[in-house]
Amino acid sequence: MLENEFRQNQIDAILHVGDFAYNLDSDNGTLGDKFFEVLEPIASKWPYMATMGNHESDPYIIAHYQYRMHMPGTSTNFWYSFDVGPVHFVAFSTEWLFYNVTDYGQYQTYQLQ
């Protein structure tokens, strides 16, 4: 359904502002892979802009989110901006600061390879 709306130029981008899944890390990330496979047909062809929500605030879930999502002009996906037509969007997530990950160095220990 969304693909048809994109093809008819009814949608320019999708903004997914958090709460992807409660358990992206379940089964060593397999559940997260399945979740994002559903999004792939659209997200691989049109702008799919995302930021984390409170359900991604656990450091290990953050790592799974970061492994799968890559937003423009950033290596962290925690904050970035972009333009769509005449509108400038600013995306930022405060969630990662509220789960005992108080500095970027501490966050890096959870990154997936």
PDB file of N, CA and C in Angstrom:
ATOM      1  N   MET A   1       0.817  -1.181   0.000  1.00  0.00           N
ATOM      2  CA  MET A   1       0.000   0.000   0.000  1.00  0.00           C
ATOM      3  C   MET A   1       0.872   1.260   0.000  1.00  0.00           C
ATOM      4  N   LEU A   2       1.853   1.357   0.882  1.00  0.00           N
ATOM      5  CA  LEU A   2       2.729   2.528   0.892  1.00  0.00           C
ATOM      6  C   LEU A   2       3.496   2.669  -0.415  1.00  0.00           C
ATOM      7  N   GLU A   3       3.921   1.547  -0.980  1.00  0.00           N
ATOM      8  CA  GLU A   3       4.659   1.619  -2.235  1.00  0.00           C
ATOM      9  C   GLU A   3       3.811   2.268  -3.323  1.00  0.00           C
ATOM     10  N   ASN A   4       2.525   1.962  -3.376  1.00  0.00           N
ATOM     11  CA  ASN A   4       1.637   2.581  -4.366  1.00  0.00           C
ATOM     12  C   ASN A   4       1.549   4.088  -4.157  1.00  0.00           C
ATOM     13  N   GLU A   5       1.457   4.512  -2.901  1.00  0.00           N
ATOM     14  CA  GLU A   5       1.386   5.944  -2.608  1.00  0.00           C
ATOM     15  C   GLU A   5       2.676   6.655  -2.987  1.00  0.00           C
ATOM     16  N   PHE A   6       3.824   6.015  -2.780  1.00  0.00           N
ATOM     17  CA  PHE A   6       5.088   6.594  -3.215  1.00  0.00           C
ATOM     18  C   PHE A   6       5.122   6.720  -4.733  1.00  0.00           C
ATOM     19  N   ARG A   7       4.736   5.672  -5.414  1.00  0.00           N
ATOM     20  CA  ARG A   7       4.762   5.681  -6.882  1.00  0.00           C
ATOM     21  C   ARG A   7       3.829   6.742  -7.457  1.00  0.00           C
ATOM     22  N   GLN A   8       2.785   7.078  -6.750  1.00  0.00           N
ATOM     23  CA  GLN A   8       1.849   8.112  -7.184  1.00  0.00           C
ATOM     24  C   GLN A   8       2.265   9.499  -6.673  1.00  0.00           C
ATOM     25  N   ASN A   9       3.484   9.588  -6.122  1.00  0.00           N
ATOM     26  CA  ASN A   9       4.031  10.845  -5.594  1.00  0.00           C
ATOM     27  C   ASN A   9       3.158  11.468  -4.506  1.00  0.00           C
ATOM     28  N   GLN A  10       2.522  10.645  -3.709  1.00  0.00           N
ATOM     29  CA  GLN A  10       1.712  11.143  -2.598  1.00  0.00           C
ATOM     30  C   GLN A  10       2.525  11.266  -1.311  1.00  0.00           C
ATOM     31  N   ILE A  11       3.697  10.616  -1.254  1.00  0.00           N
ATOM     32  CA  ILE A  11       4.551  10.625  -0.069  1.00  0.00           C
ATOM     33  C   ILE A  11       5.979  10.930  -0.509  1.00  0.00           C
ATOM     34  N   ASP A  12       6.650  11.819   0.212  1.00  0.00           N
ATOM     35  CA  ASP A  12       8.040  12.153  -0.098  1.00  0.00           C
ATOM     36  C   ASP A  12       9.036  11.408   0.771  1.00  0.00           C
ATOM     37  N   ALA A  13       8.653  11.084   1.991  1.00  0.00           N
ATOM     38  CA  ALA A  13       9.551  10.404   2.926  1.00  0.00           C
ATOM     39  C   ALA A  13       8.725   9.837   4.070  1.00  0.00           C
ATOM     40  N   ILE A  14       9.333   8.900   4.793  1.00  0.00           N
ATOM     41  CA  ILE A  14       8.703   8.349   5.993  1.00  0.00           C
ATOM     42  C   ILE A  14       9.543   8.770   7.190  1.00  0.00           C
ATOM     43  N   LEU A  15       8.886   9.260   8.228  1.00  0.00           N
ATOM     44  CA  LEU A  15       9.547   9.613   9.480  1.00  0.00           C
ATOM     45  C   LEU A  15       9.127   8.584  10.522  1.00  0.00           C
ATOM     46  N   HIS A  16      10.081   7.804  10.975  1.00  0.00           N
ATOM     47  CA  HIS A  16       9.811   6.791  12.000  1.00  0.00           C
ATOM     48  C   HIS A  16      10.492   7.285  13.270  1.00  0.00           C
ATOM     49  N   VAL A  17       9.704   7.856  14.151  1.00  0.00           N
ATOM     50  CA  VAL A  17      10.271   8.547  15.307  1.00  0.00           C
ATOM     51  C   VAL A  17      10.180   7.693  16.566  1.00  0.00           C
ATOM     52  N   GLY A  18      10.886   6.592  16.520  1.00  0.00           N
ATOM     53  CA  GLY A  18      11.083   5.784  17.707  1.00  0.00           C
ATOM     54  C   GLY A  18      10.167   4.595  17.860  1.00  0.00           C
ATOM     55  N   ASP A  19      10.538   3.817  18.854  1.00  0.00           N
ATOM     56  CA  ASP A  19       9.794   2.623  19.240  1.00  0.00           C
ATOM     57  C   ASP A  19       9.651   1.633  18.085  1.00  0.00           C
ATOM     58  N   PHE A  20      10.792   1.231  17.550  1.00  0.00           N
ATOM     59  CA  PHE A  20      10.804   0.239  16.484  1.00  0.00           C
ATOM     60  C   PHE A  20      10.316  -1.104  16.992  1.00  0.00           C
ATOM     61  N   ALA A  21      10.883  -1.540  18.066  1.00  0.00           N
ATOM     62  CA  ALA A  21      10.518  -2.837  18.629  1.00  0.00           C
ATOM     63  C   ALA A  21      11.069  -2.891  20.043  1.00  0.00           C
ATOM     64  N   TYR A  22      10.424  -3.656  20.862  1.00  0.00           N
ATOM     65  CA  TYR A  22      10.887  -3.811  22.234  1.00  0.00           C
ATOM     66  C   TYR A  22      12.118  -4.712  22.307  1.00  0.00           C
ATOM     67  N   ASN A  23      12.365  -5.472  21.255  1.00  0.00           N
ATOM     68  CA  ASN A  23      13.335  -6.551  21.379  1.00  0.00           C
ATOM     69  C   ASN A  23      14.143  -6.765  20.099  1.00  0.00           C
ATOM     70  N   LEU A  24      14.733  -5.719  19.576  1.00  0.00           N
ATOM     71  CA  LEU A  24      15.580  -5.852  18.384  1.00  0.00           C
ATOM     72  C   LEU A  24      16.719  -6.827  18.612  1.00  0.00           C
ATOM     73  N   ASP A  25      17.114  -6.988  19.867  1.00  0.00           N
ATOM     74  CA  ASP A  25      18.269  -7.830  20.190  1.00  0.00           C
ATOM     75  C   ASP A  25      17.909  -9.293  20.448  1.00  0.00           C
ATOM     76  N   SER A  26      16.617  -9.626  20.471  1.00  0.00           N
ATOM     77  CA  SER A  26      16.212 -10.996  20.789  1.00  0.00           C
ATOM     78  C   SER A  26      16.770 -12.003  19.799  1.00  0.00           C
ATOM     79  N   ASP A  27      17.090 -13.171  20.322  1.00  0.00           N
ATOM     80  CA  ASP A  27      17.624 -14.265  19.511  1.00  0.00           C
ATOM     81  C   ASP A  27      18.864 -13.806  18.743  1.00  0.00           C
ATOM     82  N   ASN A  28      19.753 -13.110  19.468  1.00  0.00           N
ATOM     83  CA  ASN A  28      21.000 -12.590  18.907  1.00  0.00           C
ATOM     84  C   ASN A  28      20.756 -11.673  17.705  1.00  0.00           C
ATOM     85  N   GLY A  29      19.659 -10.907  17.748  1.00  0.00           N
ATOM     86  CA  GLY A  29      19.353  -9.945  16.695  1.00  0.00           C
ATOM     87  C   GLY A  29      18.503 -10.495  15.560  1.00  0.00           C
ATOM     88  N   THR A  30      18.180 -11.770  15.585  1.00  0.00           N
ATOM     89  CA  THR A  30      17.382 -12.359  14.508  1.00  0.00           C
ATOM     90  C   THR A  30      16.005 -11.715  14.423  1.00  0.00           C
ATOM     91  N   LEU A  31      15.392 -11.434  15.562  1.00  0.00           N
ATOM     92  CA  LEU A  31      14.078 -10.801  15.553  1.00  0.00           C
ATOM     93  C   LEU A  31      14.166  -9.401  14.932  1.00  0.00           C
ATOM     94  N   GLY A  32      15.221  -8.652  15.272  1.00  0.00           N
ATOM     95  CA  GLY A  32      15.428  -7.341  14.661  1.00  0.00           C
ATOM     96  C   GLY A  32      15.608  -7.438  13.154  1.00  0.00           C
ATOM     97  N   ASP A  33      16.356  -8.449  12.709  1.00  0.00           N
ATOM     98  CA  ASP A  33      16.530  -8.650  11.271  1.00  0.00           C
ATOM     99  C   ASP A  33      15.188  -8.886  10.586  1.00  0.00           C
ATOM    100  N   LYS A  34      14.346  -9.703  11.173  1.00  0.00           N
ATOM    101  CA  LYS A  34      13.036  -9.986  10.590  1.00  0.00           C
ATOM    102  C   LYS A  34      12.179  -8.725  10.543  1.00  0.00           C
ATOM    103  N   PHE A  35      12.235  -7.931  11.605  1.00  0.00           N
ATOM    104  CA  PHE A  35      11.469  -6.686  11.653  1.00  0.00           C
ATOM    105  C   PHE A  35      11.879  -5.759  10.523  1.00  0.00           C
ATOM    106  N   PHE A  36      13.189  -5.574  10.345  1.00  0.00           N
ATOM    107  CA  PHE A  36      13.657  -4.652   9.316  1.00  0.00           C
ATOM    108  C   PHE A  36      13.512  -5.218   7.900  1.00  0.00           C
ATOM    109  N   GLU A  37      13.458  -6.520   7.751  1.00  0.00           N
ATOM    110  CA  GLU A  37      13.203  -7.111   6.429  1.00  0.00           C
ATOM    111  C   GLU A  37      11.828  -6.705   5.908  1.00  0.00           C
ATOM    112  N   VAL A  38      10.870  -6.544   6.800  1.00  0.00           N
ATOM    113  CA  VAL A  38       9.533  -6.096   6.401  1.00  0.00           C
ATOM    114  C   VAL A  38       9.592  -4.666   5.862  1.00  0.00           C
ATOM    115  N   LEU A  39      10.447  -3.839   6.436  1.00  0.00           N
ATOM    116  CA  LEU A  39      10.570  -2.446   6.012  1.00  0.00           C
ATOM    117  C   LEU A  39      11.428  -2.264   4.761  1.00  0.00           C
ATOM    118  N   GLU A  40      12.260  -3.227   4.463  1.00  0.00           N
ATOM    119  CA  GLU A  40      13.261  -3.077   3.405  1.00  0.00           C
ATOM    120  C   GLU A  40      12.715  -2.679   2.035  1.00  0.00           C
ATOM    121  N   PRO A  41      11.610  -3.245   1.558  1.00  0.00           N
ATOM    122  CA  PRO A  41      11.139  -2.859   0.224  1.00  0.00           C
ATOM    123  C   PRO A  41      10.869  -1.363   0.068  1.00  0.00           C
ATOM    124  N   ILE A  42      10.449  -0.719   1.131  1.00  0.00           N
ATOM    125  CA  ILE A  42      10.203   0.726   1.074  1.00  0.00           C
ATOM    126  C   ILE A  42      11.452   1.509   1.458  1.00  0.00           C
ATOM    127  N   ALA A  43      12.083   1.123   2.568  1.00  0.00           N
ATOM    128  CA  ALA A  43      13.232   1.871   3.087  1.00  0.00           C
ATOM    129  C   ALA A  43      14.437   1.827   2.152  1.00  0.00           C
ATOM    130  N   SER A  44      14.504   0.844   1.281  1.00  0.00           N
ATOM    131  CA  SER A  44      15.637   0.761   0.353  1.00  0.00           C
ATOM    132  C   SER A  44      15.436   1.621  -0.886  1.00  0.00           C
ATOM    133  N   LYS A  45      14.227   2.119  -1.111  1.00  0.00           N
ATOM    134  CA  LYS A  45      13.931   2.880  -2.325  1.00  0.00           C
ATOM    135  C   LYS A  45      13.574   4.339  -2.080  1.00  0.00           C
ATOM    136  N   TRP A  46      13.045   4.654  -0.894  1.00  0.00           N
ATOM    137  CA  TRP A  46      12.616   6.005  -0.588  1.00  0.00           C
ATOM    138  C   TRP A  46      13.185   6.431   0.761  1.00  0.00           C
ATOM    139  N   PRO A  47      13.270   7.733   1.004  1.00  0.00           N
ATOM    140  CA  PRO A  47      13.805   8.194   2.289  1.00  0.00           C
ATOM    141  C   PRO A  47      13.000   7.659   3.472  1.00  0.00           C
ATOM    142  N   TYR A  48      13.679   6.947   4.333  1.00  0.00           N
ATOM    143  CA  TYR A  48      13.082   6.377   5.539  1.00  0.00           C
ATOM    144  C   TYR A  48      13.916   6.896   6.696  1.00  0.00           C
ATOM    145  N   MET A  49      13.481   7.979   7.296  1.00  0.00           N
ATOM    146  CA  MET A  49      14.255   8.681   8.303  1.00  0.00           C
ATOM    147  C   MET A  49      13.781   8.239   9.686  1.00  0.00           C
ATOM    148  N   ALA A  50      14.733   7.905  10.549  1.00  0.00           N
ATOM    149  CA  ALA A  50      14.384   7.314  11.832  1.00  0.00           C
ATOM    150  C   ALA A  50      15.185   7.924  12.972  1.00  0.00           C
ATOM    151  N   THR A  51      14.614   7.831  14.150  1.00  0.00           N
ATOM    152  CA  THR A  51      15.325   8.137  15.379  1.00  0.00           C
ATOM    153  C   THR A  51      14.798   7.202  16.463  1.00  0.00           C
ATOM    154  N   MET A  52      15.607   6.980  17.482  1.00  0.00           N
ATOM    155  CA  MET A  52      15.255   6.031  18.530  1.00  0.00           C
ATOM    156  C   MET A  52      14.150   6.572  19.437  1.00  0.00           C
ATOM    157  N   GLY A  53      13.437   5.647  20.045  1.00  0.00           N
ATOM    158  CA  GLY A  53      12.463   5.973  21.076  1.00  0.00           C
ATOM    159  C   GLY A  53      12.856   5.301  22.375  1.00  0.00           C
ATOM    160  N   ASN A  54      11.983   5.377  23.355  1.00  0.00           N
ATOM    161  CA  ASN A  54      12.329   4.824  24.661  1.00  0.00           C
ATOM    162  C   ASN A  54      12.460   3.300  24.649  1.00  0.00           C
ATOM    163  N   HIS A  55      11.899   2.619  23.677  1.00  0.00           N
ATOM    164  CA  HIS A  55      12.032   1.165  23.622  1.00  0.00           C
ATOM    165  C   HIS A  55      13.375   0.728  23.058  1.00  0.00           C
ATOM    166  N   GLU A  56      14.143   1.658  22.559  1.00  0.00           N
ATOM    167  CA  GLU A  56      15.500   1.357  22.106  1.00  0.00           C
ATOM    168  C   GLU A  56      16.541   1.886  23.085  1.00  0.00           C
ATOM    169  N   SER A  57      16.145   2.239  24.295  1.00  0.00           N
ATOM    170  CA  SER A  57      17.065   2.915  25.207  1.00  0.00           C
ATOM    171  C   SER A  57      18.061   1.998  25.904  1.00  0.00           C
ATOM    172  N   ASP A  58      17.823   0.711  25.926  1.00  0.00           N
ATOM    173  CA  ASP A  58      18.794  -0.208  26.507  1.00  0.00           C
ATOM    174  C   ASP A  58      20.058  -0.197  25.649  1.00  0.00           C
ATOM    175  N   PRO A  59      21.240  -0.107  26.247  1.00  0.00           N
ATOM    176  CA  PRO A  59      22.473  -0.005  25.441  1.00  0.00           C
ATOM    177  C   PRO A  59      22.640  -1.122  24.416  1.00  0.00           C
ATOM    178  N   TYR A  60      22.248  -2.324  24.734  1.00  0.00           N
ATOM    179  CA  TYR A  60      22.421  -3.415  23.770  1.00  0.00           C
ATOM    180  C   TYR A  60      21.428  -3.281  22.619  1.00  0.00           C
ATOM    181  N   ILE A  61      20.211  -2.826  22.905  1.00  0.00           N
ATOM    182  CA  ILE A  61      19.238  -2.583  21.836  1.00  0.00           C
ATOM    183  C   ILE A  61      19.689  -1.402  20.990  1.00  0.00           C
ATOM    184  N   ILE A  62      20.271  -0.376  21.614  1.00  0.00           N
ATOM    185  CA  ILE A  62      20.828   0.746  20.859  1.00  0.00           C
ATOM    186  C   ILE A  62      21.841   0.221  19.847  1.00  0.00           C
ATOM    187  N   ALA A  63      22.688  -0.696  20.266  1.00  0.00           N
ATOM    188  CA  ALA A  63      23.700  -1.239  19.359  1.00  0.00           C
ATOM    189  C   ALA A  63      23.058  -1.936  18.165  1.00  0.00           C
ATOM    190  N   HIS A  64      21.986  -2.673  18.398  1.00  0.00           N
ATOM    191  CA  HIS A  64      21.291  -3.343  17.295  1.00  0.00           C
ATOM    192  C   HIS A  64      20.625  -2.326  16.377  1.00  0.00           C
ATOM    193  N   TYR A  65      20.060  -1.273  16.945  1.00  0.00           N
ATOM    194  CA  TYR A  65      19.463  -0.200  16.143  1.00  0.00           C
ATOM    195  C   TYR A  65      20.542   0.473  15.290  1.00  0.00           C
ATOM    196  N   GLN A  66      21.663   0.826  15.912  1.00  0.00           N
ATOM    197  CA  GLN A  66      22.742   1.502  15.197  1.00  0.00           C
ATOM    198  C   GLN A  66      23.312   0.627  14.081  1.00  0.00           C
ATOM    199  N   TYR A  67      23.383  -0.652  14.291  1.00  0.00           N
ATOM    200  CA  TYR A  67      23.916  -1.581  13.303  1.00  0.00           C
ATOM    201  C   TYR A  67      23.057  -1.602  12.040  1.00  0.00           C
ATOM    202  N   ARG A  68      21.766  -1.404  12.196  1.00  0.00           N
ATOM    203  CA  ARG A  68      20.836  -1.522  11.080  1.00  0.00           C
ATOM    204  C   ARG A  68      20.449  -0.200  10.444  1.00  0.00           C
ATOM    205  N   MET A  69      20.536   0.900  11.172  1.00  0.00           N
ATOM    206  CA  MET A  69      20.070   2.195  10.665  1.00  0.00           C
ATOM    207  C   MET A  69      21.257   3.116  10.412  1.00  0.00           C
ATOM    208  N   HIS A  70      21.225   3.834   9.304  1.00  0.00           N
ATOM    209  CA  HIS A  70      22.289   4.767   8.946  1.00  0.00           C
ATOM    210  C   HIS A  70      21.655   6.032   8.389  1.00  0.00           C
ATOM    211  N   MET A  71      21.656   7.079   9.186  1.00  0.00           N
ATOM    212  CA  MET A  71      21.061   8.338   8.788  1.00  0.00           C
ATOM    213  C   MET A  71      22.133   9.261   8.200  1.00  0.00           C
ATOM    214  N   PRO A  72      21.734  10.262   7.438  1.00  0.00           N
ATOM    215  CA  PRO A  72      22.705  11.104   6.720  1.00  0.00           C
ATOM    216  C   PRO A  72      23.563  11.965   7.643  1.00  0.00           C
ATOM    217  N   GLY A  73      24.829  12.075   7.293  1.00  0.00           N
ATOM    218  CA  GLY A  73      25.726  12.998   7.969  1.00  0.00           C
ATOM    219  C   GLY A  73      26.041  12.669   9.419  1.00  0.00           C
ATOM    220  N   THR A  74      25.870  11.426   9.837  1.00  0.00           N
ATOM    221  CA  THR A  74      26.141  11.074  11.224  1.00  0.00           C
ATOM    222  C   THR A  74      26.652   9.641  11.301  1.00  0.00           C
ATOM    223  N   SER A  75      27.453   9.384  12.292  1.00  0.00           N
ATOM    224  CA  SER A  75      27.887   8.013  12.530  1.00  0.00           C
ATOM    225  C   SER A  75      27.157   7.411  13.723  1.00  0.00           C
ATOM    226  N   THR A  76      26.358   8.219  14.424  1.00  0.00           N
ATOM    227  CA  THR A  76      25.691   7.741  15.633  1.00  0.00           C
ATOM    228  C   THR A  76      24.191   7.560  15.485  1.00  0.00           C
ATOM    229  N   ASN A  77      23.548   8.246  14.557  1.00  0.00           N
ATOM    230  CA  ASN A  77      22.088   8.241  14.388  1.00  0.00           C
ATOM    231  C   ASN A  77      21.345   8.887  15.549  1.00  0.00           C
ATOM    232  N   PHE A  78      22.041   9.450  16.513  1.00  0.00           N
ATOM    233  CA  PHE A  78      21.371  10.065  17.651  1.00  0.00           C
ATOM    234  C   PHE A  78      20.844  11.451  17.300  1.00  0.00           C
ATOM    235  N   TRP A  79      21.485  12.138  16.372  1.00  0.00           N
ATOM    236  CA  TRP A  79      21.056  13.466  15.964  1.00  0.00           C
ATOM    237  C   TRP A  79      21.540  13.733  14.547  1.00  0.00           C
ATOM    238  N   TYR A  80      20.684  14.345  13.755  1.00  0.00           N
ATOM    239  CA  TYR A  80      21.011  14.684  12.377  1.00  0.00           C
ATOM    240  C   TYR A  80      19.919  15.601  11.854  1.00  0.00           C
ATOM    241  N   SER A  81      20.126  16.145  10.675  1.00  0.00           N
ATOM    242  CA  SER A  81      19.087  16.952  10.043  1.00  0.00           C
ATOM    243  C   SER A  81      19.099  16.682   8.546  1.00  0.00           C
ATOM    244  N   PHE A  82      17.994  17.030   7.900  1.00  0.00           N
ATOM    245  CA  PHE A  82      17.863  16.808   6.464  1.00  0.00           C
ATOM    246  C   PHE A  82      16.755  17.706   5.925  1.00  0.00           C
ATOM    247  N   ASP A  83      16.753  17.884   4.626  1.00  0.00           N
ATOM    248  CA  ASP A  83      15.748  18.697   3.966  1.00  0.00           C
ATOM    249  C   ASP A  83      14.864  17.830   3.082  1.00  0.00           C
ATOM    250  N   VAL A  84      13.594  18.146   3.069  1.00  0.00           N
ATOM    251  CA  VAL A  84      12.650  17.582   2.106  1.00  0.00           C
ATOM    252  C   VAL A  84      11.895  18.771   1.541  1.00  0.00           C
ATOM    253  N   GLY A  85      12.186  19.094   0.287  1.00  0.00           N
ATOM    254  CA  GLY A  85      11.591  20.293  -0.293  1.00  0.00           C
ATOM    255  C   GLY A  85      12.003  21.510   0.514  1.00  0.00           C
ATOM    256  N   PRO A  86      11.054  22.373   0.859  1.00  0.00           N
ATOM    257  CA  PRO A  86      11.393  23.586   1.606  1.00  0.00           C
ATOM    258  C   PRO A  86      11.456  23.387   3.129  1.00  0.00           C
ATOM    259  N   VAL A  87      11.295  22.153   3.601  1.00  0.00           N
ATOM    260  CA  VAL A  87      11.235  21.893   5.045  1.00  0.00           C
ATOM    261  C   VAL A  87      12.564  21.304   5.522  1.00  0.00           C
ATOM    262  N   HIS A  88      13.107  21.883   6.598  1.00  0.00           N
ATOM    263  CA  HIS A  88      14.325  21.372   7.221  1.00  0.00           C
ATOM    264  C   HIS A  88      13.925  20.615   8.485  1.00  0.00           C
ATOM    265  N   PHE A  89      14.222  19.327   8.540  1.00  0.00           N
ATOM    266  CA  PHE A  89      13.897  18.476   9.682  1.00  0.00           C
ATOM    267  C   PHE A  89      15.132  18.319  10.554  1.00  0.00           C
ATOM    268  N   VAL A  90      14.918  18.311  11.857  1.00  0.00           N
ATOM    269  CA  VAL A  90      15.974  18.041  12.826  1.00  0.00           C
ATOM    270  C   VAL A  90      15.513  16.843  13.647  1.00  0.00           C
ATOM    271  N   ALA A  91      16.340  15.818  13.684  1.00  0.00           N
ATOM    272  CA  ALA A  91      16.016  14.620  14.447  1.00  0.00           C
ATOM    273  C   ALA A  91      17.051  14.446  15.551  1.00  0.00           C
ATOM    274  N   PHE A  92      16.582  14.179  16.750  1.00  0.00           N
ATOM    275  CA  PHE A  92      17.507  13.881  17.843  1.00  0.00           C
ATOM    276  C   PHE A  92      16.818  12.979  18.846  1.00  0.00           C
ATOM    277  N   SER A  93      17.605  12.169  19.486  1.00  0.00           N
ATOM    278  CA  SER A  93      17.082  11.272  20.500  1.00  0.00           C
ATOM    279  C   SER A  93      17.784  11.553  21.814  1.00  0.00           C
ATOM    280  N   THR A  94      16.997  11.755  22.833  1.00  0.00           N
ATOM    281  CA  THR A  94      17.561  11.926  24.174  1.00  0.00           C
ATOM    282  C   THR A  94      17.578  10.611  24.934  1.00  0.00           C
ATOM    283  N   GLU A  95      16.973   9.583  24.381  1.00  0.00           N
ATOM    284  CA  GLU A  95      16.808   8.326  25.104  1.00  0.00           C
ATOM    285  C   GLU A  95      18.119   7.678  25.524  1.00  0.00           C
ATOM    286  N   TRP A  96      19.122   7.697  24.691  1.00  0.00           N
ATOM    287  CA  TRP A  96      20.352   6.972  25.008  1.00  0.00           C
ATOM    288  C   TRP A  96      21.050   7.546  26.236  1.00  0.00           C
ATOM    289  N   LEU A  97      20.777   8.788  26.585  1.00  0.00           N
ATOM    290  CA  LEU A  97      21.403   9.387  27.762  1.00  0.00           C
ATOM    291  C   LEU A  97      20.775   8.921  29.075  1.00  0.00           C
ATOM    292  N   PHE A  98      19.601   8.346  29.008  1.00  0.00           N
ATOM    293  CA  PHE A  98      18.873   8.040  30.225  1.00  0.00           C
ATOM    294  C   PHE A  98      18.971   6.586  30.661  1.00  0.00           C
ATOM    295  N   TYR A  99      19.884   5.839  30.100  1.00  0.00           N
ATOM    296  CA  TYR A  99      20.018   4.445  30.493  1.00  0.00           C
ATOM    297  C   TYR A  99      21.464   4.135  30.859  1.00  0.00           C
ATOM    298  N   ASN A 100      22.013   4.912  31.765  1.00  0.00           N
ATOM    299  CA  ASN A 100      23.378   4.731  32.255  1.00  0.00           C
ATOM    300  C   ASN A 100      24.440   4.771  31.161  1.00  0.00           C
ATOM    301  N   VAL A 101      24.125   5.325  30.042  1.00  0.00           N
ATOM    302  CA  VAL A 101      25.123   5.521  28.991  1.00  0.00           C
ATOM    303  C   VAL A 101      25.295   7.031  28.904  1.00  0.00           C
ATOM    304  N   THR A 102      26.173   7.549  29.732  1.00  0.00           N
ATOM    305  CA  THR A 102      26.253   8.999  29.876  1.00  0.00           C
ATOM    306  C   THR A 102      27.339   9.644  29.032  1.00  0.00           C
ATOM    307  N   ASP A 103      28.126   8.850  28.354  1.00  0.00           N
ATOM    308  CA  ASP A 103      29.082   9.450  27.440  1.00  0.00           C
ATOM    309  C   ASP A 103      29.272   8.534  26.236  1.00  0.00           C
ATOM    310  N   TYR A 104      29.729   9.118  25.152  1.00  0.00           N
ATOM    311  CA  TYR A 104      29.851   8.369  23.911  1.00  0.00           C
ATOM    312  C   TYR A 104      30.832   7.202  24.036  1.00  0.00           C
ATOM    313  N   GLY A 105      31.882   7.359  24.794  1.00  0.00           N
ATOM    314  CA  GLY A 105      32.851   6.284  24.979  1.00  0.00           C
ATOM    315  C   GLY A 105      32.228   5.064  25.622  1.00  0.00           C
ATOM    316  N   GLN A 106      31.348   5.293  26.588  1.00  0.00           N
ATOM    317  CA  GLN A 106      30.658   4.180  27.226  1.00  0.00           C
ATOM    318  C   GLN A 106      29.723   3.496  26.230  1.00  0.00           C
ATOM    319  N   TYR A 107      29.051   4.271  25.388  1.00  0.00           N
ATOM    320  CA  TYR A 107      28.167   3.699  24.369  1.00  0.00           C
ATOM    321  C   TYR A 107      28.939   2.802  23.411  1.00  0.00           C
ATOM    322  N   GLN A 108      30.128   3.203  23.024  1.00  0.00           N
ATOM    323  CA  GLN A 108      30.894   2.462  22.024  1.00  0.00           C
ATOM    324  C   GLN A 108      31.160   1.020  22.445  1.00  0.00           C
ATOM    325  N   THR A 109      31.181   0.731  23.717  1.00  0.00           N
ATOM    326  CA  THR A 109      31.441  -0.636  24.162  1.00  0.00           C
ATOM    327  C   THR A 109      30.321  -1.585  23.766  1.00  0.00           C
ATOM    328  N   TYR A 110      29.164  -1.039  23.388  1.00  0.00           N
ATOM    329  CA  TYR A 110      28.019  -1.880  23.009  1.00  0.00           C
ATOM    330  C   TYR A 110      27.865  -2.041  21.505  1.00  0.00           C
ATOM    331  N   GLN A 111      28.737  -1.439  20.714  1.00  0.00           N
ATOM    332  CA  GLN A 111      28.580  -1.514  19.272  1.00  0.00           C
ATOM    333  C   GLN A 111      28.762  -2.933  18.771  1.00  0.00           C
ATOM    334  N   LEU A 112      27.958  -3.292  17.793  1.00  0.00           N
ATOM    335  CA  LEU A 112      28.067  -4.606  17.163  1.00  0.00           C
ATOM    336  C   LEU A 112      29.071  -4.539  16.035  1.00  0.00           C
ATOM    337  N   GLN A 113      29.695  -5.651  15.745  1.00  0.00           N
ATOM    338  CA  GLN A 113      30.670  -5.707  14.652  1.00  0.00           C
ATOM    339  C   GLN A 113      30.073  -6.407  13.464  1.00  0.00           C
TER     340      GLN A 113
END
